[in-house]
C-alpha atoms as a PDB file:
ATOM      1  CA  MET A   1      58.685  57.061  61.446  1.00  0.00           C
ATOM      2  CA  ALA A   2      59.904  60.251  63.178  1.00  0.00           C
ATOM      3  CA  ASP A   3      58.684  61.070  66.643  1.00  0.00           C
ATOM      4  CA  ALA A   4      56.556  64.257  66.921  1.00  0.00           C
ATOM      5  CA  THR A   5      59.294  65.899  69.012  1.00  0.00           C
ATOM      6  CA  ASP A   6      61.798  65.435  66.153  1.00  0.00           C
ATOM      7  CA  ARG A   7      59.737  67.457  63.680  1.00  0.00           C
ATOM      8  CA  PRO A   8      60.612  71.129  63.227  1.00  0.00           C
ATOM      9  CA  THR A   9      58.003  73.467  64.659  1.00  0.00           C
ATOM     10  CA  LEU A  10      56.377  76.035  62.459  1.00  0.00           C
ATOM     11  CA  PRO A  11      56.104  79.658  63.578  1.00  0.00           C
ATOM     12  CA  THR A  12      52.706  80.485  64.987  1.00  0.00           C
ATOM     13  CA  HIS A  13      50.638  83.462  63.929  1.00  0.00           C
ATOM     14  CA  GLY A  14      51.819  86.462  65.914  1.00  0.00           C
ATOM     15  CA  ALA A  15      54.968  84.747  67.179  1.00  0.00           C
ATOM     16  CA  GLY A  16      57.584  87.093  68.597  1.00  0.00           C
ATOM     17  CA  THR A  17      60.514  85.169  67.143  1.00  0.00           C
ATOM     18  CA  LEU A  18      60.537  83.795  63.606  1.00  0.00           C
ATOM     19  CA  PRO A  19      63.333  81.875  61.826  1.00  0.00           C
ATOM     20  CA  SER A  20      64.934  85.039  60.424  1.00  0.00           C
ATOM     21  CA  VAL A  21      63.181  87.880  62.263  1.00  0.00           C
ATOM     22  CA  THR A  22      62.637  89.053  65.815  1.00  0.00           C
ATOM     23  CA  VAL A  23      59.528  91.214  66.210  1.00  0.00           C
ATOM     24  CA  ASP A  24      60.149  94.004  68.714  1.00  0.00           C
ATOM     25  CA  ASN A  25      56.810  95.776  68.388  1.00  0.00           C
ATOM     26  CA  TYR A  26      53.576  95.207  66.496  1.00  0.00           C
ATOM     27  CA  ASN A  27      52.426  98.813  66.586  1.00  0.00           C
ATOM     28  CA  LEU A  28      55.466 101.009  66.109  1.00  0.00           C
ATOM     29  CA  GLU A  29      54.438 104.624  65.637  1.00  0.00           C
ATOM     30  CA  ILE A  30      57.045 106.535  63.659  1.00  0.00           C
ATOM     31  CA  GLU A  31      56.411 110.239  63.123  1.00  0.00           C
ATOM     32  CA  ASP A  32      57.787 112.886  60.817  1.00  0.00           C
ATOM     33  CA  ALA A  33      56.861 116.574  60.508  1.00  0.00           C
ATOM     34  CA  ASP A  34      53.538 115.675  58.822  1.00  0.00           C
ATOM     35  CA  GLY A  35      52.371 113.078  61.365  1.00  0.00           C
ATOM     36  CA  PHE A  36      52.564 109.306  61.566  1.00  0.00           C
ATOM     37  CA  ILE A  37      54.413 107.646  58.656  1.00  0.00           C
ATOM     38  CA  GLY A  38      51.881 104.795  58.352  1.00  0.00           C
ATOM     39  CA  ASP A  39      48.962 107.204  58.061  1.00  0.00           C
ATOM     40  CA  LYS A  40      50.725 109.140  55.314  1.00  0.00           C
ATOM     41  CA  ALA A  41      51.582 105.964  53.388  1.00  0.00           C
ATOM     42  CA  ARG A  42      47.957 104.814  53.437  1.00  0.00           C
ATOM     43  CA  ARG A  43      46.712 108.296  52.525  1.00  0.00           C
ATOM     44  CA  ASP A  44      49.146 108.585  49.606  1.00  0.00           C
ATOM     45  CA  ALA A  45      48.238 105.112  48.322  1.00  0.00           C
ATOM     46  CA  PHE A  46      44.536 105.978  48.539  1.00  0.00           C
ATOM     47  CA  ARG A  47      45.057 109.281  46.715  1.00  0.00           C
ATOM     48  CA  ASP A  48      47.032 107.547  43.948  1.00  0.00           C
ATOM     49  CA  ALA A  49      44.211 105.018  43.482  1.00  0.00           C
ATOM     50  CA  LEU A  50      41.613 107.808  43.533  1.00  0.00           C
ATOM     51  CA  ASP A  51      43.562 109.793  40.924  1.00  0.00           C
ATOM     52  CA  ASP A  52      43.705 106.729  38.658  1.00  0.00           C
ATOM     53  CA  TRP A  53      39.948 106.177  39.043  1.00  0.00           C
ATOM     54  CA  ARG A  54      39.183 109.848  38.334  1.00  0.00           C
ATOM     55  CA  LYS A  55      41.294 109.788  35.153  1.00  0.00           C
ATOM     56  CA  GLU A  56      39.621 106.598  33.900  1.00  0.00           C
ATOM     57  CA  HIS A  57      36.162 107.957  34.649  1.00  0.00           C
ATOM     58  CA  LYS A  58      36.940 111.258  32.918  1.00  0.00           C
ATOM     59  CA  GLN A  59      38.105 109.403  29.781  1.00  0.00           C
ATOM     60  CA  ALA A  60      35.001 107.209  29.755  1.00  0.00           C
ATOM     61  CA  ALA A  61      32.355 109.749  30.777  1.00  0.00           C
ATOM     62  CA  GLY A  62      33.960 113.004  29.661  1.00  0.00           C
ATOM     63  CA  GLU A  63      33.898 114.606  33.096  1.00  0.00           C
ATOM     64  CA  ASP A  64      35.494 114.197  36.495  1.00  0.00           C
ATOM     65  CA  PRO A  65      32.833 113.092  38.986  1.00  0.00           C
ATOM     66  CA  LEU A  66      34.531 115.154  41.711  1.00  0.00           C
ATOM     67  CA  GLY A  67      34.796 118.304  39.624  1.00  0.00           C
ATOM     68  CA  ASP A  68      37.825 120.573  39.516  1.00  0.00           C
ATOM     69  CA  ILE A  69      39.011 119.907  43.075  1.00  0.00           C
ATOM     70  CA  LYS A  70      42.527 118.431  43.129  1.00  0.00           C
ATOM     71  CA  THR A  71      42.719 115.063  44.883  1.00  0.00           C
ATOM     72  CA  GLU A  72      45.234 116.376  47.426  1.00  0.00           C
ATOM     73  CA  ASP A  73      42.775 119.183  48.320  1.00  0.00           C
ATOM     74  CA  LEU A  74      39.917 116.793  49.087  1.00  0.00           C
ATOM     75  CA  THR A  75      38.980 116.389  52.728  1.00  0.00           C
ATOM     76  CA  LYS A  76      36.708 113.951  54.517  1.00  0.00           C
ATOM     77  CA  MET A  77      33.201 114.913  53.493  1.00  0.00           C
ATOM     78  CA  ILE A  78      29.826 113.750  54.705  1.00  0.00           C
ATOM     79  CA  VAL A  79      27.162 113.952  52.027  1.00  0.00           C
END
């Protein structure tokens, strides 16, 4: 039977060095002219999902629950 020290170690959660990757930063903030890239990616993914939901709802119910406002023109609203 192999000794415990002979067994390969598994990477731990949050390890800085993995078998094929070295993590330099966990919170890299990359910006372009419109702001942080990560924020834009999440916003675009959300808007795509919202557009899909609006189209499905309009087909099923006959109307868009958010009216004639384009998804990209929607802002954070408190109702």
